[in-house]
Amino acid sequence: MVIARGKLCGLRGPGEDDMAGSTVRSVTYDLLRDLGLTTFFGNPGSTEETFLKDFPADFTYHLALQEASAIAIADGYAQATGKPAIVNVHTAAGLGNAMGNLITAALNKTPLIVTAGQQTREMLLMEPWLTNVDATQLPRPWVKWSYEPARPEDVPAAFMRAYATATQAPAGPVFLSLPLDDWDKKLEGRAVVRTVSHRIAPDPERLKDFAGILSGATNPALIFGAAIDRGAGWPDAIALAEALDATVFAAPASERCPFPEDHPLYAGGLPFAIGPLSERLKGHDVALVIGAPVFRYYPYVAGAYLPQGLRLLHISDDPAETSRAPVGDSIVGDAVLATRGLAGLVSARAATGAAREKLAHRMAPHPASDAPASGGDVPTAAEVFAALAEVRLPHTVLVEESPSNLADLHTHWPITEPATFFTFASGGLGWNLPASVGIALGERDTGRNRPVMLIIGDGSFQYSLQGLWTAAREQVPLVVIALRNGEYGILKSFAVLEETPGVPGLDIPGLDLVSLAKGFGCAAERISDLSALKERVAAAFNATGPTVFEVPINPSIPPLI
């Protein structure tokens, strides 16, 4: 259940009116206090300044230099803290800047309240400069709800509805367009604070049916998705897998790791193409997908959706996922509640001890390249990751955006603890760097203080590098490994698969990542010697702010299937 404070404390920051002179602004800030939304992320503009006027002393504002970074920092923070976050962007242009990472937040199912200023109501009919024309349409379809209050008096209630909508299953971003002249309007009384449930219990009778099907299977497979990790469901996933002695897969291209990769029942991630995925499931008679789409595909590789003789079951809290699944029988319900319920309903079977065919690249959706060891001054990605694995601290949180090196990374970095792996659900570059900043902020604010490392390619590094400034300004401990291969390696892999030679723009020479990082206030250096890299990374884990290492690597073109 989403719990709001029962007692309305009435604390105010400097410049806010007492109850006798309450305004839309003061009532809204009181509501945000009651909802625990006192941490803002954003990049303000002229249409937002009236909202932020006399910003309360008990609130925190994390500034990002561009709206795409603001959205992703807030997303990472919300995922790290397990609480919704509020993001303030600048009218239409700022929301446009934010859209790429808003798409990722939607697919990550992160509860965000995104606000943008709107021009003065008295001028809206004329569409003056900085008007957000059709404001509620611009962020669609990547928000659950989009609204511009009809009256200034409706602003606090709109925030309450936004909070309820963002946090109810399936969680996700919402958007409010807020005219800049609303905030000083007089408003009597306080906003109504409500609570809503954010979990959906599965149909108990249908869950019993699924339990019977699983209990009768001769070789069941469990396919867990990111919702298991979002809901702190690793113990429940392990209990169900062990009760069934079932082979466990990670859903293809999962943005969070749903199961310990060192568990004997774990086999690895499924491929993200139709034919290869079906081939991988051969030999199983029942497969249950929990907390993921059926399925996340990208390259089109023809084949049957399922191998002959396999029955597919599917559980998700998102009706859109269950309705668009091309095959299988579904239940709408919370992934962790359903997993826990099934663990108590299935007929336990004795463990056979049979060895599972394990993928060396674990949850990566495609295999590693067969590039040989470098034998020279420039290491391979695999050699870099093996070196990092030697010096990473216990409980390190890994964030990755290096698509062409993903399989090598997972080969050397198994995920064995919950909530220690994050990436983007959308595949759109530019989320992970600022998100790692938000995750590191969340680690600090929750008091867990786990170390955070970002692995990112030199191409990905360019999309939201402004997030480094926020990391430096906030002095968050963050270790960034920027791999420099001078190309868009993953696009060269697609060129092989799609038989499209001669595509321009796949090489990116001349980048100086160290200078870029230093320009935003980070400590940074270029290192190719692995012994020196290990020494510097070990020291960087104890630094008080972010450190960026540019590491040249030999380029390689991994196979996609």
Protein backbone atom coordinates (compact mmCIF):
# COMPACT_ATOMS: atom_id res chain seq x y z
CA MET A 1 0.00 0.00 0.00
CA VAL A 2 1.17 3.53 -0.70
CA ILE A 3 1.28 5.12 2.75
CA ALA A 4 1.01 8.87 3.14
CA ARG A 5 1.62 10.51 6.50
CA GLY A 6 -1.54 10.53 8.54
CA LYS A 7 -0.62 13.71 10.42
CA LEU A 8 -0.40 16.84 8.32
CA CYS A 9 2.62 18.48 9.85
CA GLY A 10 2.19 21.91 8.25
CA LEU A 11 5.93 22.66 8.13
CA ARG A 12 6.79 25.51 5.81
CA GLY A 13 9.90 26.86 4.25
CA PRO A 14 10.95 30.48 4.05
CA GLY A 15 8.53 32.82 2.35
CA GLU A 16 5.45 30.55 2.53
CA ASP A 17 2.18 31.85 3.90
CA ASP A 18 0.41 30.69 7.04
CA MET A 19 -2.93 28.89 6.74
CA ALA A 20 -4.87 32.15 6.74
CA GLY A 21 -3.07 33.17 3.56
CA SER A 22 -2.61 29.80 1.90
CA THR A 23 -1.86 29.70 -1.79
CA VAL A 24 -1.83 27.00 -4.43
CA ARG A 25 1.94 26.85 -3.90
CA SER A 26 1.86 26.46 -0.11
CA VAL A 27 -0.92 23.86 -0.17
CA THR A 28 0.89 21.91 -2.90
CA TYR A 29 4.18 21.90 -0.99
CA ASP A 30 2.38 20.70 2.15
CA LEU A 31 0.89 17.86 0.14
CA LEU A 32 4.29 16.93 -1.27
CA ARG A 33 5.67 16.83 2.29
CA ASP A 34 2.87 14.49 3.33
CA LEU A 35 3.62 12.22 0.37
CA GLY A 36 7.37 12.20 1.09
CA LEU A 37 8.15 13.97 -2.18
CA THR A 38 10.66 16.47 -0.86
CA THR A 39 13.45 15.56 -3.29
CA PHE A 40 13.20 17.21 -6.72
CA PHE A 41 15.19 16.54 -9.87
CA GLY A 42 15.14 18.94 -12.75
CA ASN A 43 16.36 21.64 -15.06
CA PRO A 44 14.29 24.78 -14.45
CA GLY A 45 13.17 27.36 -16.97
CA SER A 46 11.24 30.60 -16.85
CA THR A 47 7.87 28.81 -16.85
CA GLU A 48 8.88 26.79 -13.77
CA GLU A 49 10.31 29.56 -11.59
CA THR A 50 6.95 30.55 -10.12
CA PHE A 51 6.51 26.97 -8.85
CA LEU A 52 10.04 26.94 -7.38
CA LYS A 53 9.83 30.43 -5.86
CA ASP A 54 11.07 30.56 -2.24
CA PHE A 55 12.00 26.89 -2.49
CA PRO A 56 11.44 25.40 0.98
CA ALA A 57 14.48 24.75 3.15
CA ASP A 58 13.30 21.23 3.97
CA PHE A 59 13.22 20.26 0.25
CA THR A 60 16.19 19.23 -1.92
CA TYR A 61 16.64 20.16 -5.58
CA HIS A 62 19.12 18.10 -7.64
CA LEU A 63 20.02 20.13 -10.71
CA ALA A 64 20.79 18.44 -14.02
CA LEU A 65 22.12 20.36 -17.00
CA GLN A 66 19.68 18.83 -19.49
CA GLU A 67 16.24 17.28 -19.12
CA ALA A 68 17.20 13.83 -20.42
CA SER A 69 19.68 13.62 -17.56
CA ALA A 70 17.11 14.90 -15.06
CA ILE A 71 14.61 12.17 -15.98
CA ALA A 72 17.21 9.38 -15.82
CA ILE A 73 18.74 10.58 -12.53
CA ALA A 74 15.25 10.60 -11.02
CA ASP A 75 14.53 7.14 -12.47
CA GLY A 76 17.73 5.70 -10.99
CA TYR A 77 16.98 7.36 -7.64
CA ALA A 78 13.42 6.01 -7.56
CA GLN A 79 14.62 2.49 -8.36
CA ALA A 80 17.37 2.67 -5.74
CA THR A 81 15.09 4.01 -2.99
CA GLY A 82 11.94 2.11 -3.95
CA LYS A 83 9.94 5.35 -3.82
CA PRO A 84 8.45 7.62 -6.50
CA ALA A 85 10.35 10.73 -7.57
CA ILE A 86 9.33 14.13 -8.86
CA VAL A 87 10.98 15.70 -11.94
CA ASN A 88 10.62 19.31 -13.05
CA VAL A 89 11.37 20.07 -16.72
CA HIS A 90 10.93 23.15 -18.90
CA THR A 91 7.69 23.47 -20.88
CA ALA A 92 7.49 21.88 -24.36
CA ALA A 93 11.13 22.06 -25.41
CA GLY A 94 12.37 20.62 -22.12
CA LEU A 95 9.84 17.83 -22.22
CA GLY A 96 11.00 17.12 -25.76
CA ASN A 97 14.58 16.84 -24.50
CA ALA A 98 13.38 14.40 -21.85
CA MET A 99 11.32 12.12 -24.09
CA GLY A 100 13.98 9.49 -24.86
CA ASN A 101 14.57 8.75 -21.20
CA LEU A 102 10.87 9.13 -20.42
CA ILE A 103 10.32 6.18 -22.79
CA THR A 104 12.87 4.19 -20.80
CA ALA A 105 11.24 5.16 -17.48
CA ALA A 106 7.90 3.95 -18.81
CA LEU A 107 9.33 0.58 -19.86
CA ASN A 108 11.28 0.37 -16.60
CA LYS A 109 7.91 0.84 -14.83
CA THR A 110 9.36 3.54 -12.62
CA PRO A 111 6.89 5.79 -10.75
CA LEU A 112 7.80 9.36 -11.70
CA ILE A 113 5.76 12.54 -11.46
CA VAL A 114 7.01 14.69 -14.33
CA THR A 115 5.98 18.35 -14.23
CA ALA A 116 6.52 21.13 -16.75
CA GLY A 117 5.56 24.77 -16.63
CA GLN A 118 2.99 26.21 -18.99
CA GLN A 119 2.55 29.78 -20.23
CA THR A 120 0.27 32.21 -18.38
CA ARG A 121 -3.40 31.22 -18.67
CA GLU A 122 -4.38 34.73 -19.84
CA MET A 123 -2.19 34.31 -22.96
CA LEU A 124 -2.69 30.63 -23.82
CA LEU A 125 -5.28 31.34 -26.53
CA MET A 126 -2.65 33.32 -28.47
CA GLU A 127 -0.02 30.58 -28.12
CA PRO A 128 2.81 32.92 -27.11
CA TRP A 129 6.45 31.94 -27.00
CA LEU A 130 7.12 28.87 -24.78
CA THR A 131 3.51 27.68 -24.93
CA ASN A 132 3.22 23.92 -24.64
CA VAL A 133 0.60 23.47 -27.35
CA ASP A 134 -1.52 20.39 -26.67
CA ALA A 135 0.53 19.90 -23.52
CA THR A 136 -1.15 16.68 -22.44
CA GLN A 137 -0.51 15.02 -25.81
CA LEU A 138 3.24 15.62 -26.06
CA PRO A 139 4.37 12.93 -23.56
CA ARG A 140 1.90 10.29 -24.74
CA PRO A 141 1.93 7.31 -25.01
CA TRP A 142 4.82 7.11 -22.52
CA VAL A 143 2.93 8.31 -19.45
CA LYS A 144 0.06 6.63 -17.63
CA TRP A 145 -1.79 9.91 -17.19
CA SER A 146 -1.29 13.41 -18.60
CA TYR A 147 -3.16 16.45 -17.32
CA GLU A 148 -3.28 20.24 -17.25
CA PRO A 149 -5.52 21.44 -14.38
CA ALA A 150 -8.64 23.26 -15.53
CA ARG A 151 -8.35 25.72 -12.61
CA PRO A 152 -5.51 26.81 -10.35
CA GLU A 153 -7.50 25.43 -7.42
CA ASP A 154 -7.17 21.93 -8.92
CA VAL A 155 -3.36 21.81 -8.82
CA PRO A 156 -2.94 20.11 -5.40
CA ALA A 157 -5.60 17.50 -6.17
CA ALA A 158 -3.93 16.88 -9.54
CA PHE A 159 -0.67 16.09 -7.71
CA MET A 160 -2.53 13.66 -5.46
CA ARG A 161 -4.06 11.89 -8.45
CA ALA A 162 -0.67 11.89 -10.20
CA TYR A 163 0.93 10.22 -7.18
CA ALA A 164 -1.80 7.59 -6.96
CA THR A 165 -1.63 6.86 -10.68
CA ALA A 166 2.17 6.63 -10.83
CA THR A 167 2.41 4.19 -7.93
CA GLN A 168 -0.51 1.88 -8.74
CA ALA A 169 0.33 -1.23 -10.74
CA PRO A 170 1.76 -1.21 -13.25
CA ALA A 171 3.82 1.68 -11.93
CA GLY A 172 5.07 4.30 -14.35
CA PRO A 173 5.52 8.00 -15.12
CA VAL A 174 2.72 10.58 -15.19
CA PHE A 175 2.77 14.19 -16.43
CA LEU A 176 1.38 17.50 -15.17
CA SER A 177 1.39 20.72 -17.19
CA LEU A 178 1.24 23.63 -14.73
CA PRO A 179 0.50 27.22 -15.84
CA LEU A 180 3.01 29.61 -14.34
CA ASP A 181 0.41 32.08 -12.97
CA ASP A 182 -1.43 29.49 -10.83
CA TRP A 183 0.86 29.40 -7.82
CA ASP A 184 0.00 32.63 -5.99
CA LYS A 185 -3.77 32.13 -6.23
CA LYS A 186 -5.42 31.99 -2.79
CA LEU A 187 -6.60 28.57 -1.67
CA GLU A 188 -8.39 27.65 1.55
CA GLY A 189 -7.80 24.44 3.48
CA ARG A 190 -5.43 21.57 2.85
CA ALA A 191 -5.22 19.03 0.08
CA VAL A 192 -6.87 15.68 0.71
CA VAL A 193 -4.29 12.93 1.24
CA ARG A 194 -5.28 9.43 0.16
CA THR A 195 -3.70 6.01 0.17
CA VAL A 196 -3.84 3.48 -2.66
CA SER A 197 -2.66 -0.10 -3.05
CA HIS A 198 0.22 -0.62 -5.44
CA ARG A 199 0.02 -4.41 -5.78
CA ILE A 200 -2.54 -6.54 -7.62
CA ALA A 201 -3.32 -9.95 -6.13
CA PRO A 202 -3.69 -12.69 -8.77
CA ASP A 203 -6.99 -14.55 -9.18
CA PRO A 204 -6.63 -17.35 -6.57
CA GLU A 205 -8.58 -19.94 -8.58
CA ARG A 206 -6.59 -19.32 -11.73
CA LEU A 207 -3.39 -19.42 -9.70
CA LYS A 208 -4.42 -22.89 -8.49
CA ASP A 209 -4.92 -23.91 -12.11
CA PHE A 210 -1.41 -22.74 -12.96
CA ALA A 211 -0.03 -24.59 -9.94
CA GLY A 212 -1.69 -27.79 -11.14
CA ILE A 213 -0.21 -27.41 -14.62
CA LEU A 214 3.27 -26.81 -13.19
CA SER A 215 2.96 -29.71 -10.77
CA GLY A 216 2.06 -32.04 -13.63
CA ALA A 217 4.95 -30.97 -15.85
CA THR A 218 7.81 -33.36 -16.48
CA ASN A 219 10.39 -30.69 -17.32
CA PRO A 220 9.18 -27.22 -16.30
CA ALA A 221 11.01 -23.97 -17.02
CA LEU A 222 10.65 -20.73 -15.08
CA ILE A 223 11.37 -17.45 -16.90
CA PHE A 224 11.71 -14.60 -14.44
CA GLY A 225 11.67 -10.92 -15.37
CA ALA A 226 12.70 -7.62 -13.85
CA ALA A 227 9.51 -7.33 -11.77
CA ILE A 228 10.90 -10.01 -9.45
CA ASP A 229 13.84 -7.78 -8.56
CA ARG A 230 11.72 -4.61 -8.42
CA GLY A 231 9.47 -6.33 -5.89
CA ALA A 232 12.31 -7.78 -3.75
CA GLY A 233 11.18 -11.25 -4.81
CA TRP A 234 14.43 -13.25 -5.08
CA PRO A 235 13.59 -15.48 -2.05
CA ASP A 236 10.17 -16.29 -3.56
CA ALA A 237 11.67 -17.03 -6.98
CA ILE A 238 14.23 -19.36 -5.41
CA ALA A 239 11.53 -21.11 -3.36
CA LEU A 240 9.36 -21.77 -6.42
CA ALA A 241 12.28 -22.95 -8.54
CA GLU A 242 13.50 -25.34 -5.87
CA ALA A 243 10.01 -26.68 -5.17
CA LEU A 244 9.65 -27.58 -8.86
CA ASP A 245 13.32 -28.43 -9.45
CA ALA A 246 12.80 -26.26 -12.54
CA THR A 247 15.34 -24.81 -14.92
CA VAL A 248 15.42 -21.02 -14.50
CA PHE A 249 15.99 -18.48 -17.27
CA ALA A 250 16.16 -14.69 -17.17
CA ALA A 251 13.68 -13.09 -19.55
CA PRO A 252 15.37 -11.78 -22.71
CA ALA A 253 17.10 -8.38 -22.38
CA SER A 254 15.96 -8.00 -18.77
CA GLU A 255 16.72 -4.60 -17.26
CA ARG A 256 17.24 -6.07 -13.78
CA CYS A 257 18.51 -9.46 -12.69
CA PRO A 258 15.66 -11.62 -11.36
CA PHE A 259 17.55 -14.62 -9.95
CA PRO A 260 20.99 -15.40 -8.48
CA GLU A 261 23.27 -16.36 -11.34
CA ASP A 262 25.32 -18.72 -9.16
CA HIS A 263 22.28 -20.88 -8.29
CA PRO A 264 22.52 -24.46 -9.65
CA LEU A 265 19.08 -24.19 -11.31
CA TYR A 266 19.96 -21.04 -13.24
CA ALA A 267 20.72 -21.53 -16.94
CA GLY A 268 21.07 -17.95 -18.24
CA GLY A 269 19.18 -15.37 -20.24
CA LEU A 270 16.99 -16.24 -23.18
CA PRO A 271 17.86 -14.93 -26.66
CA PHE A 272 15.84 -11.93 -27.83
CA ALA A 273 14.82 -13.30 -31.23
CA ILE A 274 11.85 -15.54 -32.02
CA GLY A 275 13.54 -18.56 -33.59
CA PRO A 276 16.55 -18.81 -31.24
CA LEU A 277 14.36 -18.32 -28.15
CA SER A 278 12.07 -21.13 -29.22
CA GLU A 279 15.07 -23.35 -29.87
CA ARG A 280 16.44 -22.65 -26.39
CA LEU A 281 13.18 -23.83 -24.76
CA LYS A 282 13.14 -27.20 -26.54
CA GLY A 283 12.73 -30.14 -24.21
CA HIS A 284 10.51 -28.30 -21.73
CA ASP A 285 6.82 -29.13 -21.63
CA VAL A 286 5.65 -26.16 -19.49
CA ALA A 287 7.20 -22.72 -19.20
CA LEU A 288 6.03 -19.94 -16.89
CA VAL A 289 6.97 -16.32 -17.58
CA ILE A 290 6.67 -14.14 -14.45
CA GLY A 291 7.16 -10.37 -14.41
CA ALA A 292 8.24 -9.83 -18.02
CA PRO A 293 6.70 -9.50 -21.49
CA VAL A 294 6.19 -12.51 -23.74
CA PHE A 295 8.75 -11.83 -25.12
CA ARG A 296 11.10 -8.88 -25.58
CA TYR A 297 12.30 -9.42 -29.15
CA TYR A 298 14.48 -7.22 -31.30
CA PRO A 299 16.23 -8.68 -34.33
CA TYR A 300 13.68 -10.55 -36.41
CA VAL A 301 14.74 -14.15 -36.78
CA ALA A 302 11.89 -16.28 -38.06
CA GLY A 303 10.65 -19.38 -36.30
CA ALA A 304 7.84 -20.72 -34.17
CA TYR A 305 7.07 -18.72 -31.03
CA LEU A 306 7.31 -21.93 -28.99
CA PRO A 307 8.79 -25.37 -29.61
CA GLN A 308 6.43 -28.24 -30.30
CA GLY A 309 4.81 -29.57 -27.14
CA LEU A 310 5.51 -26.58 -24.88
CA ARG A 311 2.65 -24.92 -23.00
CA LEU A 312 3.31 -21.32 -21.97
CA LEU A 313 1.89 -19.60 -18.88
CA HIS A 314 2.32 -15.89 -18.17
CA ILE A 315 1.90 -13.64 -15.10
CA SER A 316 2.26 -9.84 -15.18
CA ASP A 317 0.75 -6.91 -13.31
CA ASP A 318 0.46 -5.11 -16.66
CA PRO A 319 -2.72 -5.91 -18.64
CA ALA A 320 -1.07 -4.47 -21.76
CA GLU A 321 1.63 -7.15 -21.52
CA THR A 322 -0.82 -9.98 -21.00
CA SER A 323 -3.09 -8.80 -23.82
CA ARG A 324 -0.36 -8.41 -26.46
CA ALA A 325 1.41 -11.70 -25.75
CA PRO A 326 1.26 -13.70 -29.01
CA VAL A 327 1.01 -17.05 -27.21
CA GLY A 328 0.24 -18.42 -23.76
CA ASP A 329 -2.38 -18.25 -21.02
CA SER A 330 -2.13 -15.28 -18.66
CA ILE A 331 -2.91 -14.01 -15.18
CA VAL A 332 -2.90 -10.32 -14.30
CA GLY A 333 -1.28 -9.97 -10.90
CA ASP A 334 1.77 -8.94 -8.94
CA ALA A 335 4.76 -11.04 -9.97
CA VAL A 336 6.11 -11.55 -6.45
CA LEU A 337 2.72 -12.25 -4.86
CA ALA A 338 2.01 -14.78 -7.61
CA THR A 339 5.43 -16.44 -7.23
CA ARG A 340 4.97 -16.67 -3.47
CA GLY A 341 1.50 -18.11 -3.90
CA LEU A 342 2.62 -20.70 -6.44
CA ALA A 343 5.49 -21.81 -4.19
CA GLY A 344 2.89 -22.78 -1.58
CA LEU A 345 0.53 -24.44 -4.07
CA VAL A 346 2.71 -26.60 -6.32
CA SER A 347 3.49 -30.21 -5.54
CA ALA A 348 7.14 -30.31 -4.58
CA ARG A 349 9.34 -32.70 -6.51
CA ALA A 350 12.62 -34.20 -5.44
CA ALA A 351 15.72 -32.51 -6.75
CA THR A 352 17.32 -34.65 -9.42
CA GLY A 353 20.65 -32.88 -9.32
CA ALA A 354 20.64 -32.86 -13.11
CA ALA A 355 23.12 -30.39 -14.53
CA ARG A 356 21.57 -27.46 -16.36
CA GLU A 357 23.10 -26.34 -19.62
CA LYS A 358 24.47 -22.98 -18.53
CA LEU A 359 25.29 -20.08 -20.80
CA ALA A 360 28.76 -18.69 -20.23
CA HIS A 361 27.39 -15.21 -20.91
CA ARG A 362 24.67 -15.66 -18.29
CA MET A 363 21.78 -13.17 -18.65
CA ALA A 364 23.16 -11.42 -21.74
CA PRO A 365 20.75 -12.00 -24.66
CA HIS A 366 23.52 -12.65 -27.18
CA PRO A 367 26.82 -14.58 -26.97
CA ALA A 368 30.27 -13.07 -26.64
CA SER A 369 32.54 -12.56 -29.61
CA ASP A 370 35.31 -15.07 -30.19
CA ALA A 371 37.97 -12.36 -30.24
CA PRO A 372 41.35 -13.78 -29.15
CA ALA A 373 43.33 -12.31 -26.27
CA SER A 374 44.92 -9.05 -27.30
CA GLY A 375 48.53 -9.96 -26.65
CA GLY A 376 49.38 -6.29 -27.05
CA ASP A 377 49.09 -2.88 -25.44
CA VAL A 378 45.31 -2.60 -25.92
CA PRO A 379 43.24 -5.19 -24.02
CA THR A 380 40.00 -6.83 -25.08
CA ALA A 381 36.76 -6.02 -23.28
CA ALA A 382 36.84 -9.48 -21.72
CA GLU A 383 40.30 -8.82 -20.27
CA VAL A 384 39.13 -5.51 -18.82
CA PHE A 385 36.10 -7.12 -17.18
CA ALA A 386 38.19 -9.96 -15.75
CA ALA A 387 40.49 -7.35 -14.18
CA LEU A 388 37.56 -5.36 -12.75
CA ALA A 389 36.06 -8.52 -11.27
CA GLU A 390 39.24 -8.95 -9.23
CA VAL A 391 38.94 -5.57 -7.52
CA ARG A 392 35.22 -4.88 -7.30
CA LEU A 393 34.04 -4.48 -3.74
CA PRO A 394 31.38 -6.70 -2.12
CA HIS A 395 27.81 -5.60 -2.89
CA THR A 396 28.88 -3.40 -5.80
CA VAL A 397 25.94 -2.17 -7.89
CA LEU A 398 26.59 -2.57 -11.63
CA VAL A 399 25.00 -0.28 -14.22
CA GLU A 400 25.76 -1.04 -17.86
CA GLU A 401 25.31 0.58 -21.25
CA SER A 402 27.84 -1.14 -23.47
CA PRO A 403 25.75 -3.27 -25.84
CA SER A 404 28.58 -4.69 -27.94
CA ASN A 405 30.45 -5.89 -24.83
CA LEU A 406 27.47 -7.06 -22.79
CA ALA A 407 28.16 -10.79 -23.09
CA ASP A 408 31.79 -10.41 -22.05
CA LEU A 409 30.70 -8.32 -19.06
CA HIS A 410 28.20 -10.90 -17.81
CA THR A 411 30.68 -13.71 -18.36
CA HIS A 412 33.03 -12.14 -15.83
CA TRP A 413 30.52 -10.40 -13.55
CA PRO A 414 27.78 -12.76 -12.29
CA ILE A 415 24.91 -11.07 -10.47
CA THR A 416 24.50 -12.86 -7.14
CA GLU A 417 22.68 -10.25 -5.00
CA PRO A 418 19.32 -8.56 -5.58
CA ALA A 419 19.13 -4.96 -6.78
CA THR A 420 22.77 -4.93 -7.90
CA PHE A 421 22.24 -4.76 -11.67
CA PHE A 422 20.48 -2.01 -13.65
CA THR A 423 20.17 -1.21 -17.33
CA PHE A 424 17.57 0.26 -19.67
CA ALA A 425 14.37 -1.56 -20.61
CA SER A 426 14.03 0.46 -23.81
CA GLY A 427 17.36 -0.10 -25.55
CA GLY A 428 17.53 3.67 -26.10
CA LEU A 429 21.00 5.03 -25.35
CA GLY A 430 21.50 7.84 -22.87
CA TRP A 431 19.76 6.50 -19.77
CA ASN A 432 22.43 4.63 -17.90
CA LEU A 433 25.03 7.32 -17.22
CA PRO A 434 22.65 9.75 -15.46
CA ALA A 435 20.72 6.83 -13.95
CA SER A 436 23.91 5.63 -12.29
CA VAL A 437 24.17 9.08 -10.68
CA GLY A 438 20.61 8.72 -9.34
CA ILE A 439 21.35 5.23 -8.09
CA ALA A 440 24.46 6.47 -6.27
CA LEU A 441 22.41 9.31 -4.75
CA GLY A 442 19.83 6.75 -3.65
CA GLU A 443 22.50 4.58 -2.06
CA ARG A 444 23.70 7.60 -0.10
CA ASP A 445 20.24 8.80 0.95
CA THR A 446 19.08 5.35 2.09
CA GLY A 447 22.26 4.84 4.11
CA ARG A 448 23.12 1.57 2.31
CA ASN A 449 26.14 3.23 0.71
CA ARG A 450 26.89 0.34 -1.65
CA PRO A 451 29.56 1.15 -4.24
CA VAL A 452 28.25 1.88 -7.76
CA MET A 453 30.10 1.18 -11.01
CA LEU A 454 28.98 2.17 -14.50
CA ILE A 455 30.29 0.27 -17.54
CA ILE A 456 29.61 2.32 -20.66
CA GLY A 457 30.75 2.42 -24.28
CA ASP A 458 32.32 5.47 -25.87
CA GLY A 459 29.28 5.91 -28.13
CA SER A 460 26.78 5.61 -25.28
CA PHE A 461 28.87 8.04 -23.22
CA GLN A 462 27.94 10.93 -25.53
CA TYR A 463 24.15 10.82 -25.13
CA SER A 464 23.66 12.21 -21.60
CA LEU A 465 27.15 13.03 -20.43
CA GLN A 466 25.79 16.18 -18.73
CA GLY A 467 24.83 13.84 -15.88
CA LEU A 468 28.51 13.80 -14.89
CA TRP A 469 28.21 17.42 -13.76
CA THR A 470 25.46 16.48 -11.29
CA ALA A 471 27.62 13.63 -9.97
CA ALA A 472 30.55 15.99 -9.47
CA ARG A 473 28.43 18.75 -7.93
CA GLU A 474 26.75 16.32 -5.51
CA GLN A 475 30.06 14.54 -4.83
CA VAL A 476 28.51 11.11 -5.21
CA PRO A 477 30.95 8.18 -5.16
CA LEU A 478 30.70 6.64 -8.62
CA VAL A 479 33.24 4.71 -10.68
CA VAL A 480 32.76 5.02 -14.45
CA ILE A 481 34.53 2.66 -16.86
CA ALA A 482 34.22 4.16 -20.35
CA LEU A 483 35.34 1.62 -22.94
CA ARG A 484 36.88 3.20 -26.00
CA ASN A 485 36.67 1.11 -29.18
CA GLY A 486 36.10 4.02 -31.57
CA GLU A 487 32.97 2.57 -33.14
CA TYR A 488 29.33 1.69 -32.70
CA GLY A 489 30.18 -1.99 -32.30
CA ILE A 490 26.62 -3.22 -31.75
CA LEU A 491 25.52 -1.56 -35.00
CA LYS A 492 28.25 -3.41 -36.85
CA SER A 493 26.80 -6.61 -35.38
CA PHE A 494 23.39 -5.66 -36.74
CA ALA A 495 24.96 -4.90 -40.12
CA VAL A 496 26.23 -8.49 -40.22
CA LEU A 497 22.85 -9.94 -39.21
CA GLU A 498 20.87 -7.70 -41.57
CA GLU A 499 23.37 -8.08 -44.43
CA THR A 500 23.80 -4.33 -44.84
CA PRO A 501 27.45 -3.62 -45.70
CA GLY A 502 28.67 -0.10 -46.29
CA VAL A 503 26.47 1.67 -43.74
CA PRO A 504 28.03 5.10 -42.97
CA GLY A 505 28.50 6.62 -39.53
CA LEU A 506 29.50 3.51 -37.59
CA ASP A 507 32.96 4.75 -36.63
CA ILE A 508 33.51 7.52 -34.04
CA PRO A 509 37.21 8.45 -33.99
CA GLY A 510 38.74 11.42 -32.24
CA LEU A 511 36.80 11.36 -28.96
CA ASP A 512 38.58 12.45 -25.79
CA LEU A 513 36.48 11.09 -22.94
CA VAL A 514 38.96 12.20 -20.29
CA SER A 515 38.72 15.85 -21.32
CA LEU A 516 34.93 15.65 -21.45
CA ALA A 517 34.76 14.17 -17.94
CA LYS A 518 37.21 16.71 -16.53
CA GLY A 519 35.21 19.49 -18.14
CA PHE A 520 32.22 18.47 -16.05
CA GLY A 521 34.29 18.39 -12.84
CA CYS A 522 35.14 14.69 -12.54
CA ALA A 523 38.48 13.09 -11.81
CA ALA A 524 39.43 11.25 -14.99
CA GLU A 525 42.31 9.46 -16.69
CA ARG A 526 43.03 7.19 -19.63
CA ILE A 527 44.44 3.75 -18.70
CA SER A 528 45.21 0.76 -20.90
CA ASP A 529 47.50 -1.15 -18.54
CA LEU A 530 45.32 -3.60 -16.60
CA SER A 531 47.51 -3.69 -13.50
CA ALA A 532 47.36 0.10 -13.27
CA LEU A 533 43.61 0.00 -13.91
CA LYS A 534 43.04 -2.38 -11.00
CA GLU A 535 45.10 -0.17 -8.69
CA ARG A 536 43.29 3.03 -9.72
CA VAL A 537 39.80 1.49 -9.56
CA ALA A 538 40.44 0.13 -6.07
CA ALA A 539 41.41 3.64 -4.98
CA ALA A 540 38.42 5.21 -6.79
CA PHE A 541 36.00 3.11 -4.77
CA ASN A 542 37.13 5.10 -1.73
CA ALA A 543 36.92 8.51 -3.42
CA THR A 544 34.39 11.10 -2.26
CA GLY A 545 33.24 11.93 -5.79
CA PRO A 546 32.98 10.44 -9.29
CA THR A 547 35.99 9.04 -11.16
CA VAL A 548 35.98 8.31 -14.90
CA PHE A 549 38.42 5.90 -16.52
CA GLU A 550 38.70 5.84 -20.29
CA VAL A 551 39.92 2.35 -21.20
CA PRO A 552 40.93 1.69 -24.83
CA ILE A 553 39.90 -1.79 -25.99
CA ASN A 554 40.32 -3.84 -29.14
CA PRO A 555 37.10 -3.59 -31.16
CA SER A 556 35.09 -6.75 -31.77
CA ILE A 557 31.80 -7.61 -33.47
CA PRO A 558 29.76 -10.01 -31.32
CA PRO A 559 27.14 -12.27 -32.91
CA LEU A 560 23.57 -11.25 -32.10
CA ILE A 561 22.18 -14.79 -32.02
